[in-house]
Amino acid sequence: MRYKITIEYNGSSFSGWQKQQHSANSIQEKIENAIFNFSGEKVTLYCGGRTDAGVHALGQVAHFDMEKEFELYRIRNAINYHLKSIPIVVLNAEVVDDAFHARFSAKRRYYEYRIVNRYAPAALETGYVWQVFNPLDVNIMREAAKHLLGKHDLSSFRSKDCQAANPIRTIDDIDVIQNGSHIHIKISAISFLHNQVRIIVGTLVEFGKNRTNPQEMLNILNQCKRNAAGVTAPPFGLYLVKIDY
């Protein structure tokens, strides 16, 4: 029986989603252990978006196979019971077809990056936003972001450790939304390169801070070099919002 679960987590204290050889602090391993504790079965979780250390999720999706059958609410509640001291929550559990794959069946992934742009410290949101003290021109950021829409070679916006063979990606939607001192950058695509969203955010922040001509984004794209783009934004402002199937 194949089960699909939707998960919310605070990524602050974890080494990331993926299980690692020399660390027992991954989100994947915590959930797999919780499933074993209630079912007695060792399972392998496959996720829709492998988040890095410090990145949060509002709607991560994963699937796993289990021989035993349980009512869906029992799966959700049992996993949450065994995770109760850990900031990971299963929001929903479903039975899916054996052909479903959390990663390869995904049609669109949605990310959001949260910034607080003010001089006074963000007392209530530390660890959940990137605080930028210099005033940002959101209109410039928004105009620069428009140049990233569509299909591009995004070599300038991937980490040096990115293992993707093909740097071509299509950004379906990107928007920069301001509400007072809060700036949210929303971006969606079928797939992303490693650190792509965080490098895009870091680049847009530099545009907004330095009042850079938005047309300069085209030059950054065309150079296809990591050092052409801006800094990699810190992980704690990034949220995996949802995944469409």
Protein backbone atom coordinates (compact mmCIF):
# COMPACT_ATOMS: atom_id res chain seq x y z
CA MET A 1 0.00 0.00 0.00
CA ARG A 2 1.42 3.39 -0.97
CA TYR A 3 0.71 6.36 1.28
CA LYS A 4 1.16 10.06 0.58
CA ILE A 5 1.60 12.45 3.49
CA THR A 6 1.65 16.25 3.59
CA ILE A 7 4.06 17.66 6.14
CA GLU A 8 4.76 20.94 7.90
CA TYR A 9 8.03 21.55 9.72
CA ASN A 10 10.31 24.10 11.31
CA GLY A 11 13.64 23.37 9.68
CA SER A 12 15.75 25.40 12.10
CA SER A 13 17.21 22.54 14.11
CA PHE A 14 17.57 19.91 11.38
CA SER A 15 20.36 18.98 8.98
CA GLY A 16 17.86 19.16 6.12
CA TRP A 17 15.32 16.76 4.65
CA GLN A 18 17.61 14.04 3.36
CA LYS A 19 18.98 11.27 5.54
CA GLN A 20 22.75 11.54 5.90
CA GLN A 21 25.34 8.92 6.69
CA HIS A 22 26.98 10.75 9.59
CA SER A 23 23.93 12.52 11.02
CA ALA A 24 20.74 11.30 12.68
CA ASN A 25 19.14 14.73 12.57
CA SER A 26 17.38 14.75 9.19
CA ILE A 27 13.65 15.30 8.82
CA GLN A 28 13.38 12.15 6.70
CA GLU A 29 14.90 10.00 9.43
CA LYS A 30 12.72 11.49 12.18
CA ILE A 31 9.54 10.63 10.26
CA GLU A 32 10.77 7.18 9.23
CA ASN A 33 11.50 6.42 12.88
CA ALA A 34 8.04 7.62 13.90
CA ILE A 35 6.44 5.33 11.31
CA PHE A 36 8.48 2.38 12.57
CA ASN A 37 7.54 3.12 16.17
CA PHE A 38 3.82 2.76 15.50
CA SER A 39 3.78 0.21 12.67
CA GLY A 40 6.85 -1.96 13.25
CA GLU A 41 7.75 -1.54 9.58
CA LYS A 42 10.93 0.03 8.26
CA VAL A 43 10.00 2.33 5.39
CA THR A 44 11.82 4.72 3.08
CA LEU A 45 10.33 8.17 2.56
CA TYR A 46 10.57 9.89 -0.83
CA CYS A 47 9.88 13.63 -0.79
CA GLY A 48 8.69 16.16 -3.33
CA GLY A 49 11.32 18.78 -2.51
CA ARG A 50 14.59 18.14 -0.68
CA THR A 51 14.96 21.13 1.61
CA ASP A 52 18.35 22.16 2.99
CA ALA A 53 19.27 22.68 6.63
CA GLY A 54 17.29 25.54 8.13
CA VAL A 55 14.61 25.66 5.41
CA HIS A 56 10.98 25.37 6.54
CA ALA A 57 7.96 23.69 4.93
CA LEU A 58 4.25 24.44 5.00
CA GLY A 59 3.33 21.72 2.51
CA GLN A 60 6.10 19.22 1.93
CA VAL A 61 4.88 15.97 0.34
CA ALA A 62 6.34 12.49 0.77
CA HIS A 63 5.31 8.93 -0.01
CA PHE A 64 6.17 5.54 1.44
CA ASP A 65 5.09 1.91 1.03
CA MET A 66 3.77 -0.20 3.90
CA GLU A 67 2.48 -3.77 3.97
CA LYS A 68 0.02 -3.13 6.78
CA GLU A 69 -3.16 -1.15 6.21
CA PHE A 70 -4.26 1.57 8.62
CA GLU A 71 -7.08 4.07 8.61
CA LEU A 72 -5.68 7.33 7.30
CA TYR A 73 -6.45 9.38 10.38
CA ARG A 74 -4.60 6.78 12.46
CA ILE A 75 -1.50 7.11 10.30
CA ARG A 76 -1.54 10.89 10.67
CA ASN A 77 -2.22 10.81 14.41
CA ALA A 78 0.25 8.00 15.14
CA ILE A 79 3.12 9.71 13.30
CA ASN A 80 2.35 12.98 15.06
CA TYR A 81 2.23 11.21 18.42
CA HIS A 82 5.73 9.87 17.96
CA LEU A 83 6.93 13.28 16.72
CA LYS A 84 5.26 15.25 19.51
CA SER A 85 8.51 16.68 20.93
CA ILE A 86 9.84 17.52 17.45
CA PRO A 87 8.68 20.47 15.27
CA ILE A 88 7.41 18.22 12.46
CA VAL A 89 3.69 17.66 11.85
CA VAL A 90 1.83 15.45 9.38
CA LEU A 91 -1.16 17.46 8.15
CA ASN A 92 -2.79 14.82 5.98
CA ALA A 93 -2.45 11.20 4.86
CA GLU A 94 -3.82 9.67 1.66
CA VAL A 95 -3.71 6.36 -0.18
CA VAL A 96 -2.26 6.80 -3.68
CA ASP A 97 -1.69 4.64 -6.72
CA ASP A 98 1.54 2.64 -6.83
CA ALA A 99 2.63 4.76 -9.81
CA PHE A 100 2.59 7.93 -7.70
CA HIS A 101 6.00 9.35 -6.80
CA ALA A 102 6.33 12.41 -4.56
CA ARG A 103 9.25 13.74 -6.59
CA PHE A 104 8.66 12.59 -10.16
CA SER A 105 4.87 13.03 -10.24
CA ALA A 106 5.08 16.69 -9.18
CA LYS A 107 3.75 19.22 -11.69
CA ARG A 108 4.62 22.43 -9.87
CA ARG A 109 6.47 23.46 -6.72
CA TYR A 110 5.81 26.70 -4.85
CA TYR A 111 8.36 28.47 -2.65
CA GLU A 112 8.15 31.66 -0.64
CA TYR A 113 11.00 33.68 0.81
CA ARG A 114 10.25 36.05 3.70
CA ILE A 115 12.20 39.23 4.38
CA VAL A 116 11.78 41.86 7.08
CA ASN A 117 13.14 45.19 5.85
CA ARG A 118 13.59 47.56 8.78
CA TYR A 119 16.28 48.75 11.16
CA ALA A 120 14.57 47.61 14.39
CA PRO A 121 15.24 43.92 15.14
CA ALA A 122 12.54 41.38 14.25
CA ALA A 123 12.01 40.13 17.80
CA LEU A 124 9.17 37.69 17.06
CA GLU A 125 10.42 36.31 13.74
CA THR A 126 14.08 35.57 14.34
CA GLY A 127 14.91 32.32 12.57
CA TYR A 128 11.91 32.61 10.26
CA VAL A 129 12.80 35.66 8.13
CA TRP A 130 15.88 37.30 6.68
CA GLN A 131 16.20 40.74 8.19
CA VAL A 132 17.67 43.27 5.76
CA PHE A 133 18.48 46.59 7.42
CA ASN A 134 19.18 48.70 4.31
CA PRO A 135 16.05 50.13 2.65
CA LEU A 136 15.00 48.08 -0.38
CA ASP A 137 13.36 49.42 -3.54
CA VAL A 138 10.67 46.80 -4.07
CA ASN A 139 9.65 48.20 -7.46
CA ILE A 140 13.16 47.63 -8.81
CA MET A 141 13.20 44.12 -7.33
CA ARG A 142 9.85 43.34 -8.94
CA GLU A 143 10.95 44.61 -12.37
CA ALA A 144 14.24 42.71 -12.18
CA ALA A 145 12.40 39.51 -11.24
CA LYS A 146 10.27 39.69 -14.40
CA HIS A 147 13.37 38.96 -16.50
CA LEU A 148 13.63 35.54 -14.84
CA LEU A 149 10.22 34.37 -16.04
CA GLY A 150 10.20 31.61 -18.62
CA LYS A 151 12.85 29.17 -19.79
CA HIS A 152 16.51 30.08 -19.15
CA ASP A 153 19.95 28.70 -18.49
CA LEU A 154 20.11 29.43 -14.77
CA SER A 155 23.80 28.59 -14.24
CA SER A 156 24.25 31.98 -12.55
CA PHE A 157 21.64 30.99 -9.97
CA ARG A 158 22.82 27.58 -8.81
CA SER A 159 25.35 26.57 -6.20
CA LYS A 160 28.78 25.30 -7.18
CA ASP A 161 27.77 21.97 -5.61
CA CYS A 162 24.69 21.59 -7.83
CA GLN A 163 24.76 18.17 -9.48
CA ALA A 164 22.05 18.77 -12.09
CA ALA A 165 23.31 17.83 -15.54
CA ASN A 166 21.12 20.43 -17.22
CA PRO A 167 20.94 24.03 -15.90
CA ILE A 168 17.92 24.90 -18.05
CA ARG A 169 14.83 25.58 -15.94
CA THR A 170 11.46 27.27 -16.53
CA ILE A 171 10.15 29.70 -13.91
CA ASP A 172 6.36 29.77 -14.18
CA ASP A 173 5.70 32.64 -11.81
CA ILE A 174 7.67 35.05 -9.63
CA ASP A 175 6.40 38.00 -7.63
CA VAL A 176 7.71 40.41 -5.02
CA ILE A 177 5.01 41.46 -2.55
CA GLN A 178 5.40 44.14 0.11
CA ASN A 179 3.23 44.61 3.18
CA GLY A 180 4.76 47.27 5.39
CA SER A 181 8.23 46.12 6.41
CA HIS A 182 7.53 42.56 5.24
CA ILE A 183 8.60 41.52 1.74
CA HIS A 184 7.64 38.10 0.39
CA ILE A 185 9.18 36.72 -2.80
CA LYS A 186 7.03 33.97 -4.30
CA ILE A 187 8.33 31.69 -7.03
CA SER A 188 6.98 28.55 -8.68
CA ALA A 189 8.28 26.05 -11.23
CA ILE A 190 8.18 22.35 -11.94
CA SER A 191 11.74 21.97 -10.65
CA PHE A 192 14.64 23.99 -9.26
CA LEU A 193 18.43 23.88 -9.20
CA HIS A 194 20.27 23.61 -5.89
CA ASN A 195 20.03 26.93 -4.01
CA GLN A 196 18.26 28.52 -7.00
CA VAL A 197 15.57 30.32 -4.99
CA ARG A 198 18.01 31.58 -2.35
CA ILE A 199 20.45 32.92 -4.96
CA ILE A 200 17.62 34.64 -6.84
CA VAL A 201 16.47 36.23 -3.58
CA GLY A 202 20.00 37.34 -2.68
CA THR A 203 20.37 38.88 -6.14
CA LEU A 204 17.03 40.70 -5.96
CA VAL A 205 17.95 42.09 -2.53
CA GLU A 206 21.16 43.52 -4.02
CA PHE A 207 19.12 45.09 -6.82
CA GLY A 208 16.76 46.66 -4.28
CA LYS A 209 19.56 47.81 -2.00
CA ASN A 210 21.79 49.32 -4.69
CA ARG A 211 18.99 50.64 -6.93
CA THR A 212 20.45 48.61 -9.80
CA ASN A 213 18.85 48.97 -13.24
CA PRO A 214 16.46 45.99 -13.58
CA GLN A 215 17.81 45.38 -17.11
CA GLU A 216 21.08 44.25 -15.51
CA MET A 217 19.34 40.98 -14.64
CA LEU A 218 19.61 40.01 -18.32
CA ASN A 219 23.39 40.43 -18.17
CA ILE A 220 23.55 38.20 -15.08
CA LEU A 221 21.50 35.54 -16.86
CA ASN A 222 23.63 35.67 -20.00
CA GLN A 223 26.94 35.31 -18.16
CA CYS A 224 25.94 31.85 -16.87
CA LYS A 225 28.46 32.15 -14.02
CA ARG A 226 27.69 31.82 -10.32
CA ASN A 227 29.82 34.86 -9.44
CA ALA A 228 27.70 37.04 -11.74
CA ALA A 229 24.72 36.81 -9.38
CA GLY A 230 24.28 37.98 -5.81
CA VAL A 231 24.78 36.31 -2.46
CA THR A 232 22.94 33.18 -1.40
CA ALA A 233 20.16 34.29 0.95
CA PRO A 234 20.16 32.51 4.33
CA PRO A 235 18.06 29.33 4.55
CA PHE A 236 15.79 30.35 7.42
CA GLY A 237 13.68 32.75 5.33
CA LEU A 238 12.73 30.06 2.81
CA TYR A 239 9.49 28.04 2.89
CA LEU A 240 8.34 25.18 0.67
CA VAL A 241 4.69 26.20 0.47
CA LYS A 242 3.05 23.42 -1.55
CA ILE A 243 3.44 20.97 -4.41
CA ASP A 244 0.89 20.36 -7.15
CA TYR A 245 0.28 16.91 -8.64
